[in-house]
Amino acid sequence: MRRMVVQRLGRFTVSQRPSHVGSLAATEKLTNSGSPVLDSANAALSRDRQTSFGARNYSTGQNAAAYALRNYANNIYEYNKVLDELNFSRRSFLMRDVYEDMQLDGVRPVRNTFHTLITGCMKGQRLMDAIYFFDEMKAMGLQPDIVLYNCIISTCGQANQIERAFQVAAEMEANGIKPTHRTFLALLNACGTAGRVEEAYGVVQRMAAFGLTLNSSCYAALIQTHKNHRPINHLTFQKIFELLEQSKGCDTMAGEGEGREEFEEELANLVTGGGLQPTRSYVNRRLNVYYSALRAFGELGNIEAVEKVMEMLKQDNHQVDATCMTELVKAYVGRGQLEKAVQAVDEYIETGKNPSLALYITLIESCLQRRNPFNMAAAKKLLDQMDGRGFFLNTSIGSNFLYLASLDTVGDFSTANTIWDMMKKRNLRPSVKSLTSYSNGLQARQVPEDDPRLAATKEIISRFQKRNNFVPGAQTETQIEGEQEQEHGEDMHLGADGDESSMQDHVAADGDVEHQTLEHVEDQTPADVGVEQQTREPVAATT
């Protein structure tokens, strides 16, 4: 969003600058003349500039109705409600814009406002915004509490800023705030992200000094620390098994009354390998250590250790749930044993247990990435099972699946048609990239022109190209802005990899200069063009 504002600001500056020195002198002469006509023209130009820059108009006369229509909040209660909705929908990239609107409206934020801002930045892993709001809170004279300090420490850990995390913890103790279980859990998670084993065990010693014991989430963070520590050797697997044995009989959660339960849930997601993505299935927090061990062994590529943890889970009288099966499937897929993963999922479903959406998505995506007749048939079977159990695809996942299934050149294209029908049933619009790939796949199989799937894809693609002034072989600015909106979860999501999106951003950045120059030429009058030609001709003659 800010990138688009900067682009428009740059084009406006180019178009408004004088084309030659004479026009600048004439403008200064008219400015000093004190003409009322010029004053009204300057006022109109100032209003136009404010409108083009997106400035908020505070006039209460004839523009009051337009301002009321454009404004979305008037007081602190309405702003807090907007921030709560952004926090719930995990759109933390818009929170700083809302905060700047609060400052423009003269609304003073309260403590609860900063709670929402900082926790939202923690969920979105936006360290700079979290530090900015943290400093703003202290500048307004509001003392941060234990929950906000824990959020800042956790955000620093996610960004691999372990030294800064320990500095915030030291600042908290210097201000007289006693650390709690969740403070040390955030520090352990920071050490786990960076793979700092010595610092992690130093945190454990600090916990013992405060009379605190390790819970399951702390053991899971220690396992993550050994997983990310380098180099990897046989002692790494041995230490993880030792931590798994030591965690038996420990408490599941920290003590009550230490802050918000929402923050505890976020930290538990971090140390169990789930990241900060919302889950749609039930997660048994008593199995935190088993989840972390399964994920660690799976990412390290030790299938035997993963199977051993599954046996330990059954010996300890725990039920193998969908999260454990998801980690097992990821381990099999990582070693290229996709058929074994499909067999394990089939056996799990035959026992009468309910699979999760994450399990279906992991296995289906793996089948679509390794396209052969067996994998495509398995993907179609899993899609039918998922649809029968009431699971559905959203726009982002469906677009990714449709793009991968459309690359199949051997099968009967039934898997791609199934994905299209599932998205069509929920009125979801795939991304343009997946639609183009799906349309090309239908045409390659010589589908009749009156086929409803082919006709629908062509209609959507042509409507999108017409709306964005599409030119074959070129990429317009509207398409670039649309791709940026898709990254933040708007109506249409790209199913491409991050490398391709970053490459498109570089192309867009390089193309801005040429686009600005063309706009400047179009905005110039014929007289200005003639003056520029006259100034260029002597230079050409001398060369």
Protein backbone atom coordinates (compact mmCIF):
# COMPACT_ATOMS: atom_id res chain seq x y z
CA MET A 1 0.00 0.00 0.00
CA ARG A 2 2.73 2.47 0.95
CA ARG A 3 4.68 1.44 -2.16
CA MET A 4 1.77 2.47 -4.38
CA VAL A 5 1.48 5.82 -2.56
CA VAL A 6 5.20 6.46 -3.09
CA GLN A 7 4.87 5.62 -6.79
CA ARG A 8 1.99 8.06 -7.24
CA LEU A 9 3.83 10.70 -5.24
CA GLY A 10 6.88 10.33 -7.50
CA ARG A 11 4.80 10.65 -10.67
CA PHE A 12 3.05 13.73 -9.29
CA THR A 13 6.39 15.37 -8.53
CA VAL A 14 7.67 14.64 -12.05
CA SER A 15 4.52 15.99 -13.70
CA GLN A 16 4.46 19.20 -11.60
CA ARG A 17 8.10 20.25 -11.98
CA PRO A 18 8.83 23.12 -14.45
CA SER A 19 10.02 22.06 -17.88
CA HIS A 20 12.42 25.01 -18.29
CA VAL A 21 13.90 27.86 -16.34
CA GLY A 22 11.72 30.52 -17.97
CA SER A 23 8.50 28.99 -16.72
CA LEU A 24 9.91 28.91 -13.15
CA ALA A 25 10.78 32.62 -13.32
CA ALA A 26 7.32 33.41 -14.69
CA THR A 27 5.69 31.46 -11.90
CA GLU A 28 7.67 33.37 -9.25
CA LYS A 29 6.67 36.64 -10.89
CA LEU A 30 3.00 35.75 -10.84
CA THR A 31 3.25 34.53 -7.27
CA ASN A 32 4.64 37.87 -6.10
CA SER A 33 2.04 39.87 -8.04
CA GLY A 34 -0.73 39.15 -5.50
CA SER A 35 -3.39 38.44 -8.12
CA PRO A 36 -6.70 37.17 -6.65
CA VAL A 37 -7.18 34.87 -9.64
CA LEU A 38 -3.81 33.27 -8.94
CA ASP A 39 -4.67 32.91 -5.25
CA SER A 40 -7.84 30.99 -6.08
CA ALA A 41 -5.93 28.84 -8.56
CA ASN A 42 -3.29 28.05 -5.96
CA ALA A 43 -6.01 27.10 -3.47
CA ALA A 44 -7.59 24.77 -6.02
CA LEU A 45 -4.19 23.27 -6.85
CA SER A 46 -3.57 22.72 -3.13
CA ARG A 47 -6.88 20.89 -2.78
CA ASP A 48 -6.08 18.77 -5.83
CA ARG A 49 -2.70 17.90 -4.38
CA GLN A 50 -4.25 16.88 -1.08
CA THR A 51 -6.78 14.74 -2.90
CA SER A 52 -4.09 13.06 -5.03
CA PHE A 53 -1.93 12.41 -1.97
CA GLY A 54 -4.83 10.87 -0.04
CA ALA A 55 -4.85 13.58 2.66
CA ARG A 56 -7.85 13.81 4.97
CA ASN A 57 -10.02 16.89 4.35
CA TYR A 58 -11.15 18.60 7.55
CA SER A 59 -13.47 21.24 6.09
CA THR A 60 -16.92 21.30 7.68
CA GLY A 61 -18.72 23.17 4.89
CA GLN A 62 -19.79 21.66 1.60
CA ASN A 63 -17.28 18.75 1.97
CA ALA A 64 -18.58 17.65 5.37
CA ALA A 65 -20.86 15.01 3.86
CA ALA A 66 -18.03 13.63 1.73
CA TYR A 67 -15.76 13.52 4.77
CA ALA A 68 -18.38 11.67 6.83
CA LEU A 69 -18.84 9.19 4.00
CA ARG A 70 -15.08 8.64 3.67
CA ASN A 71 -14.34 8.42 7.39
CA TYR A 72 -14.65 5.06 9.17
CA ALA A 73 -14.14 6.08 12.85
CA ASN A 74 -14.67 9.20 14.92
CA ASN A 75 -13.66 8.30 18.48
CA ILE A 76 -11.48 5.90 20.42
CA TYR A 77 -14.22 3.30 20.78
CA GLU A 78 -14.80 3.06 17.04
CA TYR A 79 -11.05 2.94 16.36
CA ASN A 80 -10.63 0.15 18.91
CA LYS A 81 -13.39 -1.80 17.19
CA VAL A 82 -11.66 -1.41 13.82
CA LEU A 83 -8.35 -2.55 15.29
CA ASP A 84 -10.02 -5.56 16.93
CA GLU A 85 -11.45 -6.60 13.56
CA LEU A 86 -8.05 -6.23 11.89
CA ASN A 87 -6.47 -8.24 14.69
CA PHE A 88 -9.07 -10.98 14.38
CA SER A 89 -8.67 -11.18 10.58
CA ARG A 90 -4.84 -11.06 10.95
CA ARG A 91 -4.37 -7.98 8.77
CA SER A 92 -1.72 -6.36 10.89
CA PHE A 93 -0.22 -4.59 7.87
CA LEU A 94 -3.11 -2.09 8.05
CA MET A 95 -2.78 -1.28 11.75
CA ARG A 96 -0.17 1.43 11.37
CA ASP A 97 -2.34 3.21 8.81
CA VAL A 98 -5.25 3.16 11.26
CA TYR A 99 -2.97 4.50 14.00
CA GLU A 100 -1.86 7.37 11.76
CA ASP A 101 -5.51 8.18 11.03
CA MET A 102 -6.09 8.32 14.77
CA GLN A 103 -3.34 10.90 15.10
CA LEU A 104 -4.77 12.96 12.23
CA ASP A 105 -8.20 12.93 13.86
CA GLY A 106 -6.73 13.97 17.21
CA VAL A 107 -7.86 10.78 18.96
CA ARG A 108 -5.60 9.77 21.83
CA PRO A 109 -5.04 5.99 22.09
CA VAL A 110 -5.50 4.26 25.42
CA ARG A 111 -3.78 1.24 26.96
CA ASN A 112 -6.20 -1.23 25.41
CA THR A 113 -5.45 0.25 21.98
CA PHE A 114 -1.75 -0.53 22.32
CA HIS A 115 -2.59 -4.04 23.54
CA THR A 116 -4.45 -4.68 20.30
CA LEU A 117 -1.76 -3.07 18.14
CA ILE A 118 1.19 -4.93 19.66
CA THR A 119 -0.51 -8.34 19.84
CA GLY A 120 -1.60 -7.93 16.23
CA CYS A 121 1.96 -7.15 15.17
CA MET A 122 3.13 -10.24 17.05
CA LYS A 123 0.68 -12.40 15.12
CA GLY A 124 1.79 -10.83 11.83
CA GLN A 125 5.50 -11.09 12.74
CA ARG A 126 6.00 -7.36 12.17
CA LEU A 127 8.86 -6.43 14.47
CA MET A 128 9.38 -2.82 13.37
CA ASP A 129 5.70 -1.94 13.80
CA ALA A 130 5.63 -3.62 17.22
CA ILE A 131 8.69 -1.65 18.38
CA TYR A 132 7.16 1.55 16.97
CA PHE A 133 3.92 1.10 18.93
CA PHE A 134 5.91 0.08 22.00
CA ASP A 135 7.95 3.30 21.87
CA GLU A 136 4.83 5.38 21.16
CA MET A 137 3.16 3.94 24.24
CA LYS A 138 6.10 4.82 26.47
CA ALA A 139 6.34 8.30 24.93
CA MET A 140 2.69 8.94 25.92
CA GLY A 141 3.46 8.12 29.53
CA LEU A 142 1.82 4.68 29.57
CA GLN A 143 3.88 2.03 31.35
CA PRO A 144 3.83 -1.30 29.46
CA ASP A 145 2.63 -4.27 31.47
CA ILE A 146 3.89 -7.86 31.55
CA VAL A 147 1.72 -8.94 28.58
CA LEU A 148 3.14 -6.30 26.25
CA TYR A 149 6.70 -7.05 27.29
CA ASN A 150 6.08 -10.72 26.56
CA CYS A 151 4.66 -9.84 23.14
CA ILE A 152 7.71 -7.75 22.25
CA ILE A 153 10.08 -10.52 23.39
CA SER A 154 8.15 -13.07 21.34
CA THR A 155 8.17 -10.83 18.25
CA CYS A 156 11.93 -10.32 18.56
CA GLY A 157 12.33 -14.09 18.75
CA GLN A 158 10.33 -14.62 15.57
CA ALA A 159 12.57 -12.11 13.76
CA ASN A 160 15.71 -13.92 15.03
CA GLN A 161 16.68 -10.87 17.10
CA ILE A 162 17.72 -12.76 20.22
CA GLU A 163 19.96 -10.03 21.64
CA ARG A 164 17.14 -7.54 21.41
CA ALA A 165 14.80 -10.00 23.12
CA PHE A 166 17.15 -10.26 26.09
CA GLN A 167 17.50 -6.47 26.19
CA VAL A 168 13.72 -6.07 26.44
CA ALA A 169 13.65 -8.68 29.23
CA ALA A 170 16.39 -6.78 31.11
CA GLU A 171 14.46 -3.52 30.66
CA MET A 172 11.35 -5.19 32.06
CA GLU A 173 13.18 -6.32 35.21
CA ALA A 174 14.78 -2.88 35.57
CA ASN A 175 11.29 -1.35 35.64
CA GLY A 176 10.32 -3.58 38.54
CA ILE A 177 8.18 -6.09 36.60
CA LYS A 178 8.75 -9.67 37.67
CA PRO A 179 9.04 -12.19 34.79
CA THR A 180 6.53 -15.02 34.63
CA HIS A 181 6.31 -18.41 32.96
CA ARG A 182 5.26 -16.81 29.70
CA THR A 183 8.21 -14.42 29.75
CA PHE A 184 10.66 -17.29 29.98
CA LEU A 185 8.67 -19.22 27.38
CA ALA A 186 9.04 -16.30 24.96
CA LEU A 187 12.78 -16.20 25.66
CA LEU A 188 13.09 -19.96 25.12
CA ASN A 189 11.24 -19.64 21.84
CA ALA A 190 13.64 -16.87 20.77
CA CYS A 191 16.58 -19.14 21.58
CA GLY A 192 14.85 -21.98 19.70
CA THR A 193 14.42 -19.91 16.55
CA ALA A 194 18.11 -18.96 16.55
CA GLY A 195 19.36 -22.38 17.71
CA ARG A 196 21.20 -20.89 20.72
CA VAL A 197 21.54 -23.84 23.10
CA GLU A 198 23.72 -22.16 25.74
CA GLU A 199 21.41 -19.16 26.07
CA ALA A 200 18.39 -21.48 26.30
CA TYR A 201 19.81 -23.39 29.26
CA GLY A 202 20.76 -20.06 30.82
CA VAL A 203 17.06 -19.15 30.68
CA VAL A 204 16.25 -22.47 32.37
CA GLN A 205 18.63 -21.58 35.21
CA ARG A 206 16.96 -18.18 35.56
CA MET A 207 13.59 -19.93 35.82
CA ALA A 208 14.92 -22.10 38.65
CA ALA A 209 16.18 -18.96 40.43
CA PHE A 210 12.63 -17.54 40.35
CA GLY A 211 11.18 -20.82 41.60
CA LEU A 212 9.56 -21.80 38.29
CA THR A 213 9.56 -25.24 36.68
CA LEU A 214 9.48 -26.30 33.05
CA ASN A 215 6.15 -27.11 31.46
CA SER A 216 5.40 -28.93 28.20
CA SER A 217 5.72 -25.76 26.10
CA CYS A 218 9.18 -25.07 27.57
CA TYR A 219 10.34 -28.60 26.71
CA ALA A 220 8.98 -28.15 23.20
CA ALA A 221 10.98 -24.91 22.85
CA LEU A 222 14.14 -26.69 24.02
CA ILE A 223 13.59 -29.39 21.40
CA GLN A 224 13.25 -26.69 18.77
CA THR A 225 16.52 -25.16 19.98
CA HIS A 226 18.42 -28.43 19.45
CA LYS A 227 16.78 -28.87 16.05
CA ASN A 228 17.98 -25.47 14.81
CA HIS A 229 21.43 -25.77 16.39
CA ARG A 230 24.29 -26.46 14.02
CA PRO A 231 26.07 -28.74 13.37
CA ILE A 232 23.66 -31.69 13.41
CA ASN A 233 25.06 -34.99 14.71
CA HIS A 234 23.93 -38.09 16.60
CA LEU A 235 24.00 -36.18 19.88
CA THR A 236 21.20 -33.95 18.57
CA PHE A 237 18.77 -36.88 18.24
CA GLN A 238 19.90 -38.30 21.57
CA LYS A 239 19.27 -35.00 23.37
CA ILE A 240 15.80 -34.65 21.82
CA PHE A 241 14.85 -38.13 23.07
CA GLU A 242 16.15 -37.22 26.54
CA LEU A 243 14.00 -34.09 26.63
CA LEU A 244 11.02 -36.13 25.48
CA GLU A 245 11.52 -38.54 28.40
CA GLN A 246 12.03 -35.74 30.91
CA SER A 247 8.82 -34.00 29.86
CA LYS A 248 6.58 -36.88 30.95
CA GLY A 249 4.46 -35.85 33.90
CA CYS A 250 5.10 -32.10 33.57
CA ASP A 251 2.39 -29.45 33.58
CA THR A 252 0.70 -28.56 30.32
CA MET A 253 0.30 -24.81 30.77
CA ALA A 254 1.71 -22.08 32.96
CA GLY A 255 -0.02 -20.70 36.03
CA GLU A 256 -3.27 -18.83 35.74
CA GLY A 257 -3.70 -15.09 36.11
CA GLU A 258 -0.56 -14.07 34.21
CA GLY A 259 -2.26 -12.31 31.33
CA ARG A 260 -4.48 -12.99 28.37
CA GLU A 261 -5.23 -16.54 27.29
CA GLU A 262 -4.90 -15.40 23.68
CA PHE A 263 -1.20 -14.73 24.19
CA GLU A 264 -0.68 -18.18 25.72
CA GLU A 265 -2.33 -19.72 22.67
CA GLU A 266 0.01 -17.84 20.32
CA LEU A 267 3.11 -18.97 22.21
CA ALA A 268 1.87 -22.56 22.20
CA ASN A 269 1.45 -22.38 18.42
CA LEU A 270 5.01 -21.11 18.08
CA VAL A 271 6.76 -23.85 20.01
CA THR A 272 4.71 -26.71 18.53
CA GLY A 273 5.77 -25.81 15.00
CA GLY A 274 2.40 -24.44 13.94
CA GLY A 275 3.74 -20.93 13.55
CA LEU A 276 1.23 -18.13 13.86
CA GLN A 277 -1.25 -19.53 11.37
CA PRO A 278 -4.78 -20.19 12.63
CA THR A 279 -5.76 -23.84 12.93
CA ARG A 280 -9.22 -25.21 12.13
CA SER A 281 -8.90 -28.40 14.13
CA TYR A 282 -8.59 -29.27 17.77
CA VAL A 283 -5.01 -29.39 19.07
CA ASN A 284 -4.23 -31.38 22.22
CA ARG A 285 -1.86 -29.19 24.23
CA ARG A 286 -0.86 -32.15 26.39
CA LEU A 287 1.02 -33.49 23.35
CA ASN A 288 3.07 -30.33 22.77
CA VAL A 289 6.37 -32.12 23.30
CA TYR A 290 5.42 -34.99 20.98
CA TYR A 291 4.39 -32.52 18.27
CA SER A 292 7.70 -30.68 18.56
CA ALA A 293 9.73 -33.90 18.50
CA LEU A 294 7.87 -35.22 15.45
CA ARG A 295 8.39 -31.97 13.62
CA ALA A 296 12.08 -31.81 14.57
CA PHE A 297 12.84 -35.35 13.43
CA GLY A 298 10.79 -34.86 10.26
CA GLU A 299 12.63 -31.69 9.24
CA LEU A 300 15.96 -33.36 10.03
CA GLY A 301 14.99 -36.26 7.74
CA ASN A 302 15.14 -39.07 10.32
CA ILE A 303 12.16 -41.31 9.46
CA GLU A 304 13.19 -43.98 11.97
CA ALA A 305 13.11 -41.44 14.81
CA VAL A 306 9.66 -40.25 13.72
CA GLU A 307 8.29 -43.77 13.77
CA LYS A 308 9.90 -44.35 17.18
CA VAL A 309 8.15 -41.26 18.59
CA MET A 310 4.85 -42.58 17.25
CA GLU A 311 5.45 -45.86 19.09
CA MET A 312 6.32 -43.97 22.29
CA LEU A 313 3.08 -42.04 21.92
CA LYS A 314 1.06 -45.25 21.84
CA GLN A 315 3.02 -46.79 24.73
CA ASP A 316 2.24 -43.76 26.91
CA ASN A 317 -1.51 -44.40 26.34
CA HIS A 318 -1.99 -41.33 24.14
CA GLN A 319 -4.22 -41.28 21.10
CA VAL A 320 -2.60 -40.53 17.74
CA ASP A 321 -4.49 -37.47 16.53
CA ALA A 322 -4.58 -35.65 13.20
CA THR A 323 -1.68 -33.34 14.12
CA CYS A 324 0.63 -36.31 14.71
CA MET A 325 -0.46 -37.83 11.41
CA THR A 326 0.22 -34.54 9.64
CA GLU A 327 3.80 -34.49 10.94
CA LEU A 328 4.22 -38.14 9.96
CA VAL A 329 2.97 -37.40 6.44
CA LYS A 330 5.35 -34.43 6.15
CA ALA A 331 8.25 -36.67 7.17
CA TYR A 332 7.35 -39.31 4.57
CA VAL A 333 6.87 -36.69 1.86
CA GLY A 334 10.18 -35.05 2.70
CA ARG A 335 11.98 -38.32 2.02
CA GLY A 336 10.02 -39.01 -1.18
CA GLN A 337 7.92 -41.85 0.29
CA LEU A 338 4.55 -40.54 -0.90
CA GLU A 339 2.94 -43.95 -1.35
CA LYS A 340 3.74 -44.80 2.27
CA ALA A 341 2.20 -41.50 3.37
CA VAL A 342 -1.02 -42.23 1.46
CA GLN A 343 -1.16 -45.69 3.00
CA ALA A 344 -0.70 -44.28 6.52
CA VAL A 345 -3.55 -41.80 6.00
CA ASP A 346 -5.84 -44.52 4.65
CA GLU A 347 -5.16 -46.69 7.69
CA TYR A 348 -5.79 -43.73 9.98
CA ILE A 349 -9.16 -43.00 8.35
CA GLU A 350 -10.19 -46.68 8.41
CA THR A 351 -9.83 -46.72 12.20
CA GLY A 352 -12.75 -44.26 12.39
CA LYS A 353 -10.72 -41.20 13.40
CA ASN A 354 -11.41 -37.81 11.91
CA PRO A 355 -8.62 -36.28 9.80
CA SER A 356 -7.96 -32.56 9.89
CA LEU A 357 -7.93 -30.05 7.08
CA ALA A 358 -4.15 -29.60 7.47
CA LEU A 359 -3.67 -33.33 6.91
CA TYR A 360 -5.70 -33.26 3.71
CA ILE A 361 -3.96 -30.14 2.39
CA THR A 362 -0.47 -31.48 3.11
CA LEU A 363 -1.07 -34.79 1.37
CA ILE A 364 -3.01 -33.38 -1.60
CA GLU A 365 -0.40 -30.73 -2.29
CA SER A 366 2.35 -33.36 -2.17
CA CYS A 367 0.45 -35.53 -4.64
CA LEU A 368 -0.10 -32.61 -7.02
CA GLN A 369 3.56 -31.58 -6.90
CA ARG A 370 4.68 -35.12 -7.87
CA ARG A 371 2.37 -35.67 -10.81
CA ASN A 372 1.92 -39.24 -12.03
CA PRO A 373 -1.20 -41.38 -12.57
CA PHE A 374 -1.08 -42.89 -9.05
CA ASN A 375 -0.58 -39.56 -7.27
CA MET A 376 -3.24 -37.75 -9.31
CA ALA A 377 -5.75 -40.53 -8.57
CA ALA A 378 -4.86 -40.35 -4.88
CA ALA A 379 -5.31 -36.57 -4.91
CA LYS A 380 -8.75 -36.89 -6.51
CA LYS A 381 -9.78 -39.49 -3.93
CA LEU A 382 -8.64 -37.25 -1.08
CA LEU A 383 -10.48 -34.28 -2.58
CA ASP A 384 -13.70 -36.30 -2.74
CA GLN A 385 -13.22 -37.41 0.87
CA MET A 386 -12.56 -33.85 1.97
CA ASP A 387 -15.67 -32.60 0.21
CA GLY A 388 -17.74 -35.41 1.70
CA ARG A 389 -16.59 -34.55 5.24
CA GLY A 390 -17.58 -30.92 4.88
CA PHE A 391 -14.12 -29.42 4.37
CA PHE A 392 -13.80 -26.73 1.72
CA LEU A 393 -11.05 -24.86 -0.10
CA ASN A 394 -10.48 -21.16 0.28
CA THR A 395 -9.34 -18.92 -2.56
CA SER A 396 -5.61 -19.17 -1.91
CA ILE A 397 -5.38 -22.94 -1.41
CA GLY A 398 -7.84 -23.65 -4.22
CA SER A 399 -5.89 -21.48 -6.66
CA ASN A 400 -2.66 -23.25 -5.74
CA PHE A 401 -4.25 -26.68 -6.16
CA LEU A 402 -5.85 -25.72 -9.47
CA TYR A 403 -2.55 -24.44 -10.86
CA LEU A 404 -0.65 -27.58 -9.84
CA ALA A 405 -3.35 -29.92 -11.17
CA SER A 406 -3.49 -28.04 -14.49
CA LEU A 407 0.17 -28.84 -15.14
CA ASP A 408 -0.66 -32.52 -15.52
CA THR A 409 -0.18 -33.60 -19.15
CA VAL A 410 -0.67 -37.36 -18.78
CA GLY A 411 -3.92 -37.92 -16.88
CA ASP A 412 -7.53 -37.29 -17.88
CA PHE A 413 -7.62 -33.86 -16.17
CA SER A 414 -10.34 -35.05 -13.78
CA THR A 415 -8.45 -33.82 -10.71
CA ALA A 416 -8.29 -30.25 -12.02
CA ASN A 417 -11.98 -30.43 -12.95
CA THR A 418 -12.81 -31.60 -9.42
CA ILE A 419 -10.95 -28.65 -7.90
CA TRP A 420 -12.69 -26.26 -10.28
CA ASP A 421 -16.11 -27.67 -9.39
CA MET A 422 -15.39 -27.41 -5.64
CA MET A 423 -14.45 -23.74 -5.99
CA LYS A 424 -17.35 -23.04 -8.34
CA LYS A 425 -19.79 -24.51 -5.84
CA ARG A 426 -18.68 -21.93 -3.25
CA ASN A 427 -18.52 -19.05 -5.79
CA LEU A 428 -14.75 -18.65 -5.31
CA ARG A 429 -12.72 -16.95 -8.02
CA PRO A 430 -9.26 -18.46 -8.57
CA SER A 431 -6.23 -16.37 -9.40
CA VAL A 432 -5.57 -15.33 -12.98
CA LYS A 433 -2.46 -17.51 -13.14
CA SER A 434 -4.35 -20.65 -12.14
CA LEU A 435 -7.25 -19.77 -14.46
CA THR A 436 -4.89 -19.30 -17.40
CA SER A 437 -3.15 -22.61 -16.69
CA TYR A 438 -6.49 -24.40 -16.32
CA SER A 439 -7.84 -22.88 -19.55
CA ASN A 440 -4.69 -23.90 -21.44
CA GLY A 441 -5.02 -27.43 -20.08
CA LEU A 442 -8.61 -27.68 -21.29
CA GLN A 443 -7.68 -26.40 -24.73
CA ALA A 444 -4.75 -28.84 -24.96
CA ARG A 445 -7.22 -31.70 -24.49
CA GLN A 446 -9.38 -30.35 -27.33
CA VAL A 447 -12.38 -29.59 -25.17
CA PRO A 448 -15.32 -28.18 -27.20
CA GLU A 449 -15.70 -24.41 -27.20
CA ASP A 450 -19.18 -24.66 -25.71
CA ASP A 451 -17.89 -26.53 -22.66
CA PRO A 452 -19.16 -24.65 -19.55
CA ARG A 453 -15.80 -24.84 -17.73
CA LEU A 454 -13.82 -23.50 -20.69
CA ALA A 455 -16.37 -20.78 -21.41
CA ALA A 456 -16.37 -19.66 -17.78
CA THR A 457 -12.57 -19.45 -17.58
CA LYS A 458 -12.33 -17.49 -20.83
CA GLU A 459 -15.00 -15.05 -19.68
CA ILE A 460 -13.27 -14.37 -16.35
CA ILE A 461 -9.85 -13.95 -17.99
CA SER A 462 -11.17 -11.60 -20.68
CA ARG A 463 -13.05 -9.53 -18.09
CA PHE A 464 -9.91 -9.23 -15.97
CA GLN A 465 -7.79 -8.23 -18.97
CA LYS A 466 -10.32 -5.63 -20.04
CA ARG A 467 -10.53 -4.15 -16.57
CA ASN A 468 -6.71 -3.87 -16.32
CA ASN A 469 -6.12 -2.64 -19.91
CA PHE A 470 -4.15 -5.77 -20.67
CA VAL A 471 -1.52 -5.58 -23.43
CA PRO A 472 -0.03 -8.92 -24.58
CA GLY A 473 3.55 -9.20 -23.42
CA ALA A 474 3.32 -6.26 -21.00
CA GLN A 475 2.52 -5.86 -17.34
CA THR A 476 0.48 -2.85 -16.30
CA GLU A 477 0.64 -1.05 -13.01
CA THR A 478 -2.89 -2.19 -12.14
CA GLN A 479 -1.79 -5.81 -12.42
CA ILE A 480 1.20 -5.12 -10.17
CA GLU A 481 -1.04 -3.50 -7.55
CA GLY A 482 -3.47 -6.40 -7.84
CA GLU A 483 -0.66 -8.86 -7.16
CA GLN A 484 0.34 -6.88 -4.07
CA GLU A 485 -3.25 -7.02 -2.81
CA GLN A 486 -3.38 -10.76 -3.43
CA GLU A 487 -0.38 -11.25 -1.11
CA HIS A 488 -2.45 -9.72 1.73
CA GLY A 489 -5.42 -12.04 1.21
CA GLU A 490 -7.80 -10.00 -0.96
CA ASP A 491 -10.41 -11.42 -3.34
CA MET A 492 -7.96 -13.19 -5.61
CA HIS A 493 -4.83 -14.93 -4.31
CA LEU A 494 -1.76 -15.96 -6.22
CA GLY A 495 -0.79 -19.60 -6.02
CA ALA A 496 2.77 -18.94 -7.07
CA ASP A 497 5.96 -19.23 -5.09
CA GLY A 498 7.59 -16.39 -3.23
CA ASP A 499 10.54 -16.24 -5.64
CA GLU A 500 8.32 -15.39 -8.57
CA SER A 501 6.43 -12.68 -6.66
CA SER A 502 9.70 -11.06 -5.58
CA MET A 503 10.94 -11.17 -9.17
CA GLN A 504 7.75 -9.42 -10.30
CA ASP A 505 8.29 -6.71 -7.67
CA HIS A 506 11.78 -6.07 -9.08
CA VAL A 507 10.35 -5.81 -12.59
CA ALA A 508 7.70 -3.41 -11.32
CA ALA A 509 10.28 -1.25 -9.58
CA ASP A 510 12.43 -1.06 -12.73
CA GLY A 511 9.44 -0.21 -14.88
CA ASP A 512 8.27 2.70 -12.74
CA VAL A 513 10.85 5.12 -14.13
CA GLU A 514 9.79 4.53 -17.70
CA HIS A 515 6.12 4.76 -16.75
CA GLN A 516 6.67 8.06 -14.96
CA THR A 517 8.51 9.50 -17.96
CA LEU A 518 5.68 8.53 -20.31
CA GLU A 519 3.10 10.13 -18.01
CA HIS A 520 5.19 13.31 -17.87
CA VAL A 521 5.27 13.51 -21.67
CA GLU A 522 1.52 12.95 -21.89
CA ASP A 523 0.77 15.68 -19.30
CA GLN A 524 2.90 18.29 -21.10
CA THR A 525 1.30 20.81 -23.41
CA PRO A 526 2.46 21.19 -27.04
CA ALA A 527 4.18 24.45 -26.10
CA ASP A 528 6.21 22.74 -23.40
CA VAL A 529 7.19 20.00 -25.82
CA GLY A 530 8.33 22.59 -28.32
CA VAL A 531 10.44 24.35 -25.71
CA GLU A 532 12.09 21.08 -24.72
CA GLN A 533 12.83 20.29 -28.37
CA GLN A 534 14.42 23.72 -28.77
CA THR A 535 16.63 23.16 -25.74
CA ARG A 536 17.66 19.71 -26.96
CA GLU A 537 18.52 20.72 -30.55
CA PRO A 538 21.62 22.83 -29.64
CA VAL A 539 22.92 19.99 -27.55
CA ALA A 540 22.47 17.58 -30.44
CA ALA A 541 24.22 20.04 -32.78
CA THR A 542 27.24 20.35 -30.51
CA THR A 543 27.57 16.60 -30.20
